[in-house]
Protein backbone atom coordinates (compact mmCIF):
# COMPACT_ATOMS: atom_id res chain seq x y z
CA MET A 1 32.71 19.38 -11.29
CA LYS A 2 32.54 16.63 -13.90
CA LYS A 3 33.90 14.09 -11.40
CA ALA A 4 31.23 15.08 -8.84
CA LEU A 5 28.47 14.58 -11.40
CA VAL A 6 29.81 11.16 -12.35
CA LEU A 7 29.98 10.11 -8.68
CA ALA A 8 26.47 11.40 -8.02
CA ALA A 9 25.10 9.52 -11.04
CA ALA A 10 26.85 6.32 -9.94
CA GLY A 11 25.32 6.66 -6.49
CA LEU A 12 21.85 7.03 -7.93
CA LEU A 13 22.31 3.99 -10.13
CA CYS A 14 23.38 1.90 -7.13
CA ALA A 15 20.38 3.06 -5.11
CA ALA A 16 17.87 2.63 -7.93
CA PRO A 17 16.90 -1.01 -7.15
CA ALA A 18 16.16 -0.12 -3.51
CA PHE A 19 13.97 2.80 -4.57
CA ALA A 20 12.21 0.66 -7.18
CA ASP A 21 11.27 -1.97 -4.62
CA LEU A 22 10.30 0.63 -2.03
CA ALA A 23 8.05 2.07 -4.71
CA LEU A 24 6.59 -1.39 -5.34
CA ALA A 25 6.02 -1.89 -1.60
CA THR A 26 4.32 1.49 -1.43
CA SER A 27 2.15 0.78 -4.46
CA LYS A 28 1.00 -2.55 -2.98
CA ASN A 29 0.09 -0.91 0.37
CA CYS A 30 2.84 -2.73 2.32
CA MET A 31 3.86 0.57 3.89
CA SER A 32 0.45 0.90 5.55
CA CYS A 33 1.52 -1.71 8.12
CA HIS A 34 5.32 -1.90 7.71
CA ALA A 35 8.33 0.42 7.56
CA VAL A 36 11.90 -0.31 6.59
CA ASP A 37 13.47 0.38 9.97
CA ARG A 38 10.72 0.55 12.61
CA LYS A 39 7.69 -1.43 13.73
CA VAL A 40 4.36 0.02 12.65
CA LEU A 41 1.46 -2.44 12.88
CA GLY A 42 3.68 -5.20 11.54
CA PRO A 43 7.41 -5.73 12.00
CA SER A 44 10.01 -3.63 10.21
CA PHE A 45 11.49 -5.02 7.02
CA LYS A 46 14.90 -5.02 8.72
CA ASP A 47 13.53 -7.19 11.53
CA ILE A 48 11.99 -9.58 9.01
CA ALA A 49 15.29 -9.82 7.13
CA ALA A 50 17.16 -10.54 10.38
CA LYS A 51 14.67 -13.20 11.47
CA TYR A 52 14.79 -15.07 8.16
CA LYS A 53 18.45 -14.51 7.20
CA ASP A 54 19.43 -18.15 7.84
CA THR A 55 16.15 -19.74 6.75
CA LYS A 56 16.41 -21.94 3.69
CA GLY A 57 13.76 -20.96 1.14
CA ALA A 58 13.00 -17.71 2.97
CA ALA A 59 12.23 -15.78 -0.22
CA ASP A 60 9.60 -18.29 -1.32
CA LEU A 61 8.17 -18.50 2.21
CA LEU A 62 7.84 -14.71 2.45
CA ALA A 63 6.42 -14.41 -1.07
CA THR A 64 3.70 -16.87 -0.08
CA LYS A 65 2.99 -14.94 3.14
CA ILE A 66 2.80 -11.71 1.15
CA MET A 67 0.15 -13.18 -1.14
CA LYS A 68 -1.80 -15.41 1.29
CA GLY A 69 -1.22 -13.65 4.62
CA GLY A 70 -0.11 -15.22 7.86
CA ALA A 71 -0.53 -15.21 11.62
CA GLY A 72 1.25 -16.01 14.85
CA VAL A 73 4.86 -15.38 13.89
CA TRP A 74 5.05 -11.75 15.06
CA GLY A 75 2.24 -11.66 17.59
CA PRO A 76 -1.53 -11.76 17.63
CA VAL A 77 -2.20 -9.38 14.72
CA PRO A 78 -2.58 -11.37 11.48
CA MET A 79 -1.25 -10.20 8.15
CA PRO A 80 -4.12 -10.25 5.65
CA ALA A 81 -3.86 -11.82 2.22
CA ASN A 82 -2.79 -9.40 -0.49
CA ASN A 83 -4.77 -10.46 -3.55
CA GLN A 84 -3.55 -7.44 -5.53
CA VAL A 85 0.04 -8.73 -5.42
CA SER A 86 1.07 -11.06 -8.24
CA GLU A 87 3.44 -13.94 -7.63
CA ALA A 88 6.19 -12.11 -9.55
CA ASP A 89 5.74 -8.95 -7.46
CA ALA A 90 5.59 -10.98 -4.24
CA LYS A 91 8.93 -12.57 -5.13
CA LYS A 92 10.45 -9.15 -5.87
CA LEU A 93 9.15 -7.79 -2.58
CA ALA A 94 10.39 -10.81 -0.61
CA ALA A 95 13.86 -10.55 -2.14
CA TRP A 96 13.97 -6.84 -1.37
CA VAL A 97 12.79 -7.31 2.23
CA LEU A 98 15.44 -9.99 2.76
CA SER A 99 18.12 -7.65 1.39
CA THR A 100 17.38 -4.86 3.88
CA LYS A 101 20.09 -4.40 6.49
């Protein structure tokens, strides 16, 4: 029983960063247009990670797109600027998106 509790606690600790960034994405309304593993209005976070996996400076590029918006990369629907997202939060979100598999 004690071993099972220790393993469960370790699993939660390992998953905590993913939940924290999912919570940040939810709080910044990212989930209105995106999902982790499927296209909604915008591409899935997994598709974004795959597209930018070999791009030098991808985290900074995505952080800028998160804050200022963008258009033309994923089709005709533009991503609006997100003025409520600070630079620090945009960098956290970009790093998290790039880490999704």
